[in-house]
Each structure stands twice: as structure tokens, then as C-alpha cells.
Amino acid sequence: MKITIYQKPVCTTCRQVYALLKESGVDFDAVNYYIEPISKSKLKELLSKMGMSAAELLRKKEPLYKEMKLAEKNLSEDEIIDLMTANPDLMQRPIIEKGGKAILARPAERIKEIL
């Protein structure tokens, strides 16, 4: 089963996970979601596979999170997903998908759970 990494290539953790995947010799696809945006339906699917809510995937230390005052808003799951698809910086990363499972690979060593 092929592995897909959804990443921001300049992100330190993403680079670490990418290197671990390369070292392991597994076949994988890398998706820079700034160039190939994750659709709303795909993000919902990934959240389901990770067993996470959209709120759990938010990058709460991201300047944009603070600028948008998201902590003060009571947003629905759909509203948060819409915000993350429109503003990928709001999404924690990297997300690793393999078949029916996906993980948020933070810290990078979590990649071992899916290999």
C-alpha cells in the first residue's frame, strides 16, 4: 500500500519525516498542499482516518490563528475545515496516509506507526 505525505516542504518536521521515509526505502508520494491544495472532502477523510476533530488539527501557535482570533470563536467542524482548506498554514503537519489509516506525524518519530 502506498504512503502519501501531505506537507509543507520548508517545515522542519516535514523534512524530518520525508527523510525518514526516504531512508526506509518505502514507495511514497509527497504532496505539497500549498501547490496541490487538500480538498474539503479529502481533509474530512484524513481527519476521520486520524480519529481527530478539525479543532485538534488547528495550529494554535500560528500567527494567522491569533490574527483571526479563532480561539474566541465557536466554529463548527465544517467552518474549521473550510478555514484550513483556504489557509493551509492553519493545519498541523505533516499528515501521513496509508490505506485506511492516517497520522499526524508530530513528532517525526510517529512515522514508525505507519511503516
N, C-alpha and C. Protein backbone atom coordinates (compact mmCIF):
# COMPACT_ATOMS: atom_id res chain seq x y z
N MET A 1 0.84 -1.18 0.00
CA MET A 1 0.00 0.00 0.00
C MET A 1 0.89 1.25 0.00
N LYS A 2 0.57 2.17 -0.85
CA LYS A 2 1.39 3.38 -1.00
C LYS A 2 1.13 4.38 0.14
N ILE A 3 2.18 5.06 0.53
CA ILE A 3 2.11 6.09 1.57
C ILE A 3 2.10 7.45 0.90
N THR A 4 1.30 8.36 1.46
CA THR A 4 1.28 9.74 0.98
C THR A 4 1.59 10.65 2.16
N ILE A 5 2.50 11.59 1.94
CA ILE A 5 2.81 12.60 2.95
C ILE A 5 2.27 13.94 2.45
N TYR A 6 1.42 14.55 3.26
CA TYR A 6 0.89 15.89 2.97
C TYR A 6 1.74 16.84 3.79
N GLN A 7 2.45 17.75 3.11
CA GLN A 7 3.46 18.51 3.81
C GLN A 7 3.64 19.92 3.28
N LYS A 8 4.41 20.68 4.06
CA LYS A 8 4.95 21.98 3.65
C LYS A 8 6.46 21.75 3.63
N PRO A 9 7.08 21.68 2.44
CA PRO A 9 8.48 21.27 2.34
C PRO A 9 9.48 22.08 3.16
N VAL A 10 9.17 23.32 3.52
CA VAL A 10 10.11 24.11 4.33
C VAL A 10 9.96 23.87 5.83
N CYS A 11 8.96 23.11 6.21
CA CYS A 11 8.70 22.78 7.62
C CYS A 11 9.75 21.78 8.11
N THR A 12 10.36 22.04 9.25
CA THR A 12 11.40 21.17 9.79
C THR A 12 10.89 19.75 10.03
N THR A 13 9.74 19.61 10.68
CA THR A 13 9.20 18.28 10.95
C THR A 13 8.88 17.55 9.65
N CYS A 14 8.34 18.26 8.67
CA CYS A 14 8.04 17.66 7.37
C CYS A 14 9.32 17.13 6.72
N ARG A 15 10.38 17.91 6.80
CA ARG A 15 11.66 17.47 6.21
C ARG A 15 12.19 16.24 6.93
N GLN A 16 12.03 16.19 8.25
CA GLN A 16 12.48 15.03 9.02
C GLN A 16 11.70 13.77 8.61
N VAL A 17 10.39 13.90 8.50
CA VAL A 17 9.55 12.76 8.12
C VAL A 17 9.87 12.32 6.69
N TYR A 18 10.05 13.28 5.80
CA TYR A 18 10.41 12.98 4.40
C TYR A 18 11.72 12.18 4.38
N ALA A 19 12.71 12.62 5.15
CA ALA A 19 14.00 11.92 5.21
C ALA A 19 13.84 10.50 5.77
N LEU A 20 13.01 10.35 6.81
CA LEU A 20 12.77 9.02 7.38
C LEU A 20 12.11 8.09 6.36
N LEU A 21 11.18 8.63 5.59
CA LEU A 21 10.53 7.83 4.55
C LEU A 21 11.54 7.42 3.49
N LYS A 22 12.39 8.35 3.07
CA LYS A 22 13.43 8.05 2.07
C LYS A 22 14.36 6.95 2.59
N GLU A 23 14.81 7.10 3.84
CA GLU A 23 15.72 6.13 4.45
C GLU A 23 15.10 4.74 4.56
N SER A 24 13.79 4.69 4.79
CA SER A 24 13.12 3.40 4.96
C SER A 24 12.97 2.66 3.63
N GLY A 25 13.13 3.38 2.52
CA GLY A 25 13.05 2.75 1.21
C GLY A 25 11.64 2.44 0.73
N VAL A 26 10.63 2.95 1.44
CA VAL A 26 9.25 2.70 1.01
C VAL A 26 8.87 3.62 -0.15
N ASP A 27 7.91 3.14 -0.93
CA ASP A 27 7.40 3.94 -2.04
C ASP A 27 6.37 4.92 -1.46
N PHE A 28 6.55 6.20 -1.75
CA PHE A 28 5.59 7.18 -1.22
C PHE A 28 5.46 8.36 -2.18
N ASP A 29 4.33 9.04 -2.04
CA ASP A 29 4.07 10.28 -2.77
C ASP A 29 4.15 11.43 -1.78
N ALA A 30 4.73 12.53 -2.20
CA ALA A 30 4.79 13.74 -1.37
C ALA A 30 3.89 14.79 -2.01
N VAL A 31 2.97 15.33 -1.22
CA VAL A 31 2.06 16.35 -1.70
C VAL A 31 2.34 17.65 -0.94
N ASN A 32 2.79 18.66 -1.67
CA ASN A 32 2.96 19.99 -1.10
C ASN A 32 1.58 20.64 -1.19
N TYR A 33 0.88 20.71 -0.08
CA TYR A 33 -0.51 21.17 -0.14
C TYR A 33 -0.63 22.68 -0.34
N TYR A 34 0.49 23.36 -0.51
CA TYR A 34 0.46 24.77 -0.92
C TYR A 34 0.37 24.86 -2.43
N ILE A 35 0.87 23.83 -3.13
CA ILE A 35 0.80 23.78 -4.59
C ILE A 35 -0.42 22.96 -5.03
N GLU A 36 -0.66 21.84 -4.33
CA GLU A 36 -1.81 20.97 -4.60
C GLU A 36 -2.71 20.99 -3.36
N PRO A 37 -3.60 21.98 -3.26
CA PRO A 37 -4.43 22.10 -2.05
C PRO A 37 -5.23 20.83 -1.74
N ILE A 38 -5.38 20.58 -0.45
CA ILE A 38 -6.21 19.46 0.01
C ILE A 38 -7.66 19.92 -0.07
N SER A 39 -8.48 19.13 -0.73
CA SER A 39 -9.90 19.49 -0.85
C SER A 39 -10.61 19.29 0.49
N LYS A 40 -11.76 19.90 0.61
CA LYS A 40 -12.55 19.77 1.83
C LYS A 40 -12.90 18.30 2.08
N SER A 41 -13.30 17.59 1.04
CA SER A 41 -13.68 16.19 1.22
C SER A 41 -12.48 15.33 1.62
N LYS A 42 -11.30 15.63 1.04
CA LYS A 42 -10.10 14.88 1.39
C LYS A 42 -9.67 15.17 2.83
N LEU A 43 -9.78 16.43 3.24
CA LEU A 43 -9.43 16.78 4.61
C LEU A 43 -10.37 16.09 5.60
N LYS A 44 -11.65 16.03 5.28
CA LYS A 44 -12.60 15.31 6.14
C LYS A 44 -12.21 13.83 6.23
N GLU A 45 -11.84 13.25 5.09
CA GLU A 45 -11.43 11.84 5.06
C GLU A 45 -10.18 11.62 5.92
N LEU A 46 -9.19 12.51 5.79
CA LEU A 46 -7.96 12.38 6.58
C LEU A 46 -8.25 12.53 8.07
N LEU A 47 -9.09 13.48 8.44
CA LEU A 47 -9.46 13.65 9.85
C LEU A 47 -10.11 12.39 10.39
N SER A 48 -10.99 11.80 9.60
CA SER A 48 -11.66 10.57 10.00
C SER A 48 -10.65 9.44 10.19
N LYS A 49 -9.72 9.31 9.25
CA LYS A 49 -8.70 8.26 9.34
C LYS A 49 -7.77 8.47 10.54
N MET A 50 -7.56 9.74 10.93
CA MET A 50 -6.71 10.04 12.08
C MET A 50 -7.47 9.97 13.40
N GLY A 51 -8.80 9.95 13.31
CA GLY A 51 -9.61 9.95 14.52
C GLY A 51 -9.50 11.28 15.26
N MET A 52 -9.37 12.36 14.49
CA MET A 52 -9.20 13.70 15.07
C MET A 52 -10.35 14.61 14.65
N SER A 53 -10.59 15.62 15.47
CA SER A 53 -11.53 16.66 15.08
C SER A 53 -10.73 17.73 14.34
N ALA A 54 -11.42 18.56 13.60
CA ALA A 54 -10.76 19.65 12.88
C ALA A 54 -10.07 20.59 13.88
N ALA A 55 -10.70 20.82 15.02
CA ALA A 55 -10.13 21.72 16.04
C ALA A 55 -8.78 21.18 16.53
N GLU A 56 -8.65 19.86 16.64
CA GLU A 56 -7.39 19.26 17.10
C GLU A 56 -6.27 19.44 16.07
N LEU A 57 -6.62 19.61 14.81
CA LEU A 57 -5.62 19.75 13.75
C LEU A 57 -5.17 21.21 13.57
N LEU A 58 -5.88 22.14 14.21
CA LEU A 58 -5.51 23.56 14.09
C LEU A 58 -4.15 23.84 14.73
N ARG A 59 -3.36 24.67 14.05
CA ARG A 59 -2.08 25.15 14.59
C ARG A 59 -2.37 26.38 15.44
N LYS A 60 -2.50 26.16 16.73
CA LYS A 60 -2.90 27.24 17.63
C LYS A 60 -1.78 28.25 17.88
N LYS A 61 -0.54 27.92 17.55
CA LYS A 61 0.57 28.86 17.73
C LYS A 61 0.86 29.64 16.45
N GLU A 62 0.12 29.34 15.41
CA GLU A 62 0.28 30.02 14.11
C GLU A 62 -0.18 31.47 14.22
N PRO A 63 0.63 32.44 13.75
CA PRO A 63 0.21 33.85 13.81
C PRO A 63 -1.18 34.10 13.21
N LEU A 64 -1.49 33.43 12.12
CA LEU A 64 -2.80 33.61 11.48
C LEU A 64 -3.94 33.20 12.42
N TYR A 65 -3.72 32.15 13.22
CA TYR A 65 -4.71 31.69 14.20
C TYR A 65 -5.02 32.84 15.17
N LYS A 66 -3.96 33.49 15.62
CA LYS A 66 -4.13 34.60 16.57
C LYS A 66 -4.75 35.82 15.88
N GLU A 67 -4.28 36.13 14.67
CA GLU A 67 -4.82 37.26 13.92
C GLU A 67 -6.32 37.12 13.68
N MET A 68 -6.74 35.91 13.36
CA MET A 68 -8.15 35.66 13.07
C MET A 68 -8.99 35.50 14.35
N LYS A 69 -8.30 35.53 15.51
CA LYS A 69 -8.96 35.39 16.82
C LYS A 69 -9.81 34.11 16.88
N LEU A 70 -9.26 33.02 16.36
CA LEU A 70 -10.03 31.77 16.29
C LEU A 70 -10.33 31.18 17.67
N ALA A 71 -9.47 31.45 18.64
CA ALA A 71 -9.70 30.94 19.99
C ALA A 71 -10.98 31.53 20.60
N GLU A 72 -11.35 32.71 20.12
CA GLU A 72 -12.53 33.41 20.66
C GLU A 72 -13.83 33.02 19.94
N LYS A 73 -13.69 32.24 18.88
CA LYS A 73 -14.87 31.90 18.08
C LYS A 73 -15.33 30.48 18.35
N ASN A 74 -16.61 30.28 18.27
CA ASN A 74 -17.18 28.95 18.44
C ASN A 74 -17.54 28.43 17.05
N LEU A 75 -16.55 27.86 16.37
CA LEU A 75 -16.72 27.42 14.99
C LEU A 75 -17.13 25.96 14.90
N SER A 76 -17.94 25.65 13.90
CA SER A 76 -18.34 24.27 13.67
C SER A 76 -17.19 23.52 13.00
N GLU A 77 -17.29 22.21 12.97
CA GLU A 77 -16.30 21.36 12.30
C GLU A 77 -16.14 21.80 10.84
N ASP A 78 -17.26 22.00 10.15
CA ASP A 78 -17.23 22.42 8.75
C ASP A 78 -16.56 23.78 8.57
N GLU A 79 -16.84 24.71 9.47
CA GLU A 79 -16.23 26.04 9.38
C GLU A 79 -14.71 25.98 9.56
N ILE A 80 -14.27 25.14 10.50
CA ILE A 80 -12.82 24.98 10.72
C ILE A 80 -12.17 24.33 9.50
N ILE A 81 -12.80 23.32 8.94
CA ILE A 81 -12.27 22.65 7.74
C ILE A 81 -12.20 23.65 6.58
N ASP A 82 -13.23 24.46 6.41
CA ASP A 82 -13.21 25.50 5.37
C ASP A 82 -12.03 26.46 5.57
N LEU A 83 -11.81 26.86 6.81
CA LEU A 83 -10.70 27.77 7.11
C LEU A 83 -9.35 27.12 6.79
N MET A 84 -9.20 25.84 7.13
CA MET A 84 -7.93 25.16 6.88
C MET A 84 -7.69 24.92 5.39
N THR A 85 -8.74 24.64 4.63
CA THR A 85 -8.53 24.44 3.20
C THR A 85 -8.20 25.77 2.52
N ALA A 86 -8.76 26.87 3.03
CA ALA A 86 -8.47 28.19 2.46
C ALA A 86 -7.14 28.75 2.96
N ASN A 87 -6.72 28.34 4.15
CA ASN A 87 -5.49 28.84 4.79
C ASN A 87 -4.68 27.66 5.31
N PRO A 88 -3.91 26.99 4.45
CA PRO A 88 -3.21 25.77 4.87
C PRO A 88 -2.24 25.97 6.04
N ASP A 89 -1.81 27.20 6.31
CA ASP A 89 -0.93 27.43 7.46
C ASP A 89 -1.62 27.08 8.79
N LEU A 90 -2.94 27.03 8.78
CA LEU A 90 -3.69 26.71 10.00
C LEU A 90 -3.67 25.22 10.34
N MET A 91 -3.16 24.40 9.43
CA MET A 91 -3.16 22.95 9.59
C MET A 91 -1.84 22.45 10.17
N GLN A 92 -1.92 21.60 11.20
CA GLN A 92 -0.71 20.95 11.68
C GLN A 92 -0.21 19.99 10.60
N ARG A 93 1.08 19.75 10.61
CA ARG A 93 1.67 18.93 9.57
C ARG A 93 2.90 18.22 10.11
N PRO A 94 3.35 17.20 9.41
CA PRO A 94 2.81 16.57 8.20
C PRO A 94 1.76 15.52 8.54
N ILE A 95 0.91 15.28 7.57
CA ILE A 95 -0.09 14.21 7.68
C ILE A 95 0.39 13.08 6.78
N ILE A 96 0.42 11.87 7.32
CA ILE A 96 0.84 10.70 6.58
C ILE A 96 -0.35 9.77 6.42
N GLU A 97 -0.60 9.35 5.19
CA GLU A 97 -1.75 8.48 4.90
C GLU A 97 -1.25 7.18 4.27
N LYS A 98 -1.81 6.08 4.75
CA LYS A 98 -1.51 4.77 4.18
C LYS A 98 -2.79 3.94 4.27
N GLY A 99 -3.41 3.73 3.12
CA GLY A 99 -4.65 2.95 3.09
C GLY A 99 -5.73 3.59 3.96
N GLY A 100 -6.27 2.81 4.88
CA GLY A 100 -7.35 3.28 5.74
C GLY A 100 -6.89 3.98 6.99
N LYS A 101 -5.58 4.26 7.09
CA LYS A 101 -5.05 4.90 8.28
C LYS A 101 -4.32 6.18 7.91
N ALA A 102 -4.35 7.15 8.80
CA ALA A 102 -3.58 8.38 8.64
C ALA A 102 -3.13 8.82 10.03
N ILE A 103 -1.99 9.50 10.07
CA ILE A 103 -1.49 10.03 11.34
C ILE A 103 -0.96 11.44 11.13
N LEU A 104 -0.97 12.19 12.20
CA LEU A 104 -0.27 13.46 12.24
C LEU A 104 1.10 13.11 12.78
N ALA A 105 2.13 13.23 11.95
CA ALA A 105 3.48 12.80 12.33
C ALA A 105 4.22 13.89 13.10
N ARG A 106 3.70 14.20 14.26
CA ARG A 106 4.33 15.14 15.19
C ARG A 106 4.41 14.44 16.53
N PRO A 107 5.56 14.10 17.03
CA PRO A 107 6.87 14.31 16.45
C PRO A 107 7.13 13.37 15.27
N ALA A 108 8.21 13.62 14.55
CA ALA A 108 8.52 12.88 13.33
C ALA A 108 8.61 11.37 13.56
N GLU A 109 9.00 10.95 14.75
CA GLU A 109 9.15 9.51 15.04
C GLU A 109 7.83 8.76 14.94
N ARG A 110 6.72 9.47 14.98
CA ARG A 110 5.42 8.81 14.86
C ARG A 110 5.28 8.09 13.53
N ILE A 111 6.12 8.42 12.55
CA ILE A 111 6.05 7.78 11.24
C ILE A 111 6.18 6.26 11.38
N LYS A 112 6.88 5.81 12.41
CA LYS A 112 7.07 4.37 12.63
C LYS A 112 5.73 3.64 12.82
N GLU A 113 4.71 4.37 13.27
CA GLU A 113 3.40 3.76 13.49
C GLU A 113 2.75 3.32 12.17
N ILE A 114 3.18 3.88 11.07
CA ILE A 114 2.51 3.62 9.81
C ILE A 114 3.39 2.82 8.83
N LEU A 115 4.68 2.71 9.13
CA LEU A 115 5.59 1.98 8.24
C LEU A 115 5.44 0.48 8.39
